[in-house]
């Protein structure tokens, strides 16, 4: 079993990035982890701790202006509902076409913008679309995780 070496610090305040209150808006207890075993790290995570590099901290929600809550999700068991699928489809359309065009029925409208472009611009657009699709897939996964946090 590997050992853990940390330097604990006292409770400290920092500016809240949600409501922009003064340095007392966000309160946390922190420590610098020089070395940390996987088991100790998992124990901290299970108890609401967070990490940024070697800095580990736990928000003090009772003293914070905007409390932070840790939400854990088993992504293997997640299934999107109809509304989540609709939102994801709109996001995909936005990422592919750059705009959300809305029909009277509230659904996004798709348009073919390649019909009047020369072939070199069309080829470039295809490459951009391919990269956009890859990004869209990554964002889709992130949105899946985001939606499950609101259940």
Protein backbone atom coordinates (compact mmCIF):
# COMPACT_ATOMS: atom_id res chain seq x y z
CA UNK A 1 0.00 0.00 0.00
CA UNK A 2 1.46 3.39 -0.99
CA UNK A 3 1.61 6.24 1.46
CA UNK A 4 0.01 9.66 1.34
CA UNK A 5 1.78 12.91 2.22
CA UNK A 6 -0.28 16.09 2.46
CA UNK A 7 0.21 19.62 3.79
CA UNK A 8 -3.08 20.72 5.35
CA UNK A 9 -4.05 24.38 5.33
CA UNK A 10 -6.78 26.17 7.21
CA UNK A 11 -10.16 27.19 5.89
CA UNK A 12 -9.88 29.99 3.34
CA UNK A 13 -12.15 32.27 1.35
CA UNK A 14 -12.11 33.09 -2.32
CA UNK A 15 -14.25 35.00 -4.79
CA UNK A 16 -17.38 33.17 -5.88
CA UNK A 17 -17.42 32.66 -9.65
CA UNK A 18 -21.21 32.27 -9.62
CA UNK A 19 -22.38 35.44 -7.92
CA UNK A 20 -19.06 37.41 -7.78
CA UNK A 21 -19.22 38.12 -4.05
CA UNK A 22 -16.17 39.23 -2.13
CA UNK A 23 -13.40 36.93 -0.94
CA UNK A 24 -15.74 35.51 1.69
CA UNK A 25 -18.27 34.25 -0.86
CA UNK A 26 -16.68 30.83 -1.39
CA UNK A 27 -15.28 29.04 1.66
CA UNK A 28 -13.19 25.86 1.46
CA UNK A 29 -10.73 23.79 3.45
CA UNK A 30 -7.66 22.83 1.46
CA UNK A 31 -4.47 20.82 1.45
CA UNK A 32 -1.58 20.26 -0.91
CA UNK A 33 -1.06 16.58 -1.73
CA UNK A 34 2.61 15.87 -2.35
CA UNK A 35 1.89 12.14 -2.68
CA UNK A 36 -1.50 10.44 -2.47
CA UNK A 37 -2.52 6.83 -2.82
CA UNK A 38 -5.44 5.91 -5.06
CA UNK A 39 -7.36 4.59 -2.04
CA UNK A 40 -6.96 7.85 -0.10
CA UNK A 41 -7.88 9.91 -3.15
CA UNK A 42 -11.04 7.85 -3.68
CA UNK A 43 -11.98 8.25 -0.01
CA UNK A 44 -11.67 12.03 -0.30
CA UNK A 45 -13.71 12.12 -3.53
CA UNK A 46 -16.41 9.98 -1.90
CA UNK A 47 -16.61 12.54 0.92
CA UNK A 48 -17.08 15.57 -1.32
CA UNK A 49 -13.49 16.67 -1.86
CA UNK A 50 -12.31 18.06 -5.18
CA UNK A 51 -8.90 18.38 -6.80
CA UNK A 52 -7.05 20.81 -9.02
CA UNK A 53 -3.55 19.54 -9.72
CA UNK A 54 -2.02 18.69 -6.34
CA UNK A 55 -4.42 21.02 -4.51
CA UNK A 56 -7.26 19.16 -2.78
CA UNK A 57 -10.14 21.08 -1.24
CA UNK A 58 -13.56 20.61 0.24
CA UNK A 59 -16.12 23.40 -0.07
CA UNK A 60 -17.70 24.46 3.23
CA UNK A 61 -21.28 24.68 1.97
CA UNK A 62 -22.71 25.89 5.28
CA UNK A 63 -20.62 29.09 4.98
CA UNK A 64 -20.69 29.58 1.19
CA UNK A 65 -22.94 31.97 -0.70
CA UNK A 66 -23.49 29.41 -3.51
CA UNK A 67 -23.09 25.87 -2.16
CA UNK A 68 -21.38 23.23 -4.32
CA UNK A 69 -22.88 19.75 -4.45
CA UNK A 70 -21.06 16.73 -5.80
CA UNK A 71 -23.19 14.69 -8.17
CA UNK A 72 -22.04 11.21 -9.11
CA UNK A 73 -23.44 9.41 -12.11
CA UNK A 74 -23.17 5.82 -13.28
CA UNK A 75 -23.03 6.54 -17.01
CA UNK A 76 -23.49 2.88 -17.89
CA UNK A 77 -27.04 3.00 -16.48
CA UNK A 78 -28.08 6.37 -17.90
CA UNK A 79 -30.88 6.47 -20.50
CA UNK A 80 -31.95 9.77 -22.06
CA UNK A 81 -35.62 10.68 -21.90
CA UNK A 82 -37.52 12.23 -24.83
CA UNK A 83 -36.86 15.83 -23.78
CA UNK A 84 -33.13 15.21 -23.36
CA UNK A 85 -32.95 13.61 -26.81
CA UNK A 86 -34.71 16.63 -28.30
CA UNK A 87 -32.30 19.06 -26.63
CA UNK A 88 -29.32 16.99 -27.75
CA UNK A 89 -30.60 16.97 -31.34
CA UNK A 90 -30.96 20.77 -31.26
CA UNK A 91 -27.42 21.09 -29.90
CA UNK A 92 -26.10 18.79 -32.63
CA UNK A 93 -27.89 20.88 -35.28
CA UNK A 94 -26.48 24.05 -33.81
CA UNK A 95 -22.94 22.65 -33.85
CA UNK A 96 -23.30 21.35 -37.41
CA UNK A 97 -24.98 24.41 -38.97
CA UNK A 98 -23.95 27.26 -36.66
CA UNK A 99 -27.47 28.59 -36.12
CA UNK A 100 -30.73 27.46 -34.66
CA UNK A 101 -33.44 28.19 -37.17
CA UNK A 102 -36.86 27.61 -35.71
CA UNK A 103 -39.96 26.53 -37.63
CA UNK A 104 -43.41 27.54 -36.51
CA UNK A 105 -43.72 24.07 -34.95
CA UNK A 106 -40.71 24.84 -32.70
CA UNK A 107 -38.31 22.40 -34.39
CA UNK A 108 -34.91 23.46 -35.73
CA UNK A 109 -34.76 24.04 -39.48
CA UNK A 110 -31.78 22.72 -41.42
CA UNK A 111 -30.52 24.35 -44.59
CA UNK A 112 -27.97 23.27 -47.19
CA UNK A 113 -25.41 26.07 -47.42
CA UNK A 114 -23.00 24.26 -49.81
CA UNK A 115 -25.08 24.47 -52.99
CA UNK A 116 -23.62 27.78 -54.25
CA UNK A 117 -19.97 27.41 -53.18
CA UNK A 118 -17.03 26.45 -55.41
CA UNK A 119 -15.61 22.95 -54.87
CA UNK A 120 -12.49 24.09 -52.92
CA UNK A 121 -14.69 25.90 -50.41
CA UNK A 122 -17.00 22.90 -50.30
CA UNK A 123 -14.04 20.58 -49.56
CA UNK A 124 -12.89 22.91 -46.79
CA UNK A 125 -16.45 23.02 -45.45
CA UNK A 126 -16.51 19.19 -45.45
CA UNK A 127 -13.35 19.11 -43.32
CA UNK A 128 -14.81 21.65 -40.93
CA UNK A 129 -18.07 19.67 -40.79
CA UNK A 130 -16.13 16.50 -40.01
CA UNK A 131 -14.33 18.21 -37.12
CA UNK A 132 -17.62 19.72 -35.96
CA UNK A 133 -19.19 16.26 -35.92
CA UNK A 134 -16.34 14.94 -33.76
CA UNK A 135 -16.76 17.88 -31.40
CA UNK A 136 -20.52 17.37 -31.44
CA UNK A 137 -20.10 13.75 -30.35
CA UNK A 138 -17.87 14.82 -27.46
CA UNK A 139 -20.33 17.51 -26.45
CA UNK A 140 -23.19 15.03 -26.71
CA UNK A 141 -21.50 12.85 -24.13
CA UNK A 142 -20.96 15.87 -21.88
CA UNK A 143 -24.60 16.91 -22.28
CA UNK A 144 -25.67 13.36 -21.38
CA UNK A 145 -23.77 13.65 -18.14
CA UNK A 146 -25.11 17.15 -17.50
CA UNK A 147 -28.73 16.12 -17.96
CA UNK A 148 -28.43 13.22 -15.56
CA UNK A 149 -27.25 15.59 -12.84
CA UNK A 150 -30.69 17.23 -12.84
CA UNK A 151 -32.70 14.05 -12.17
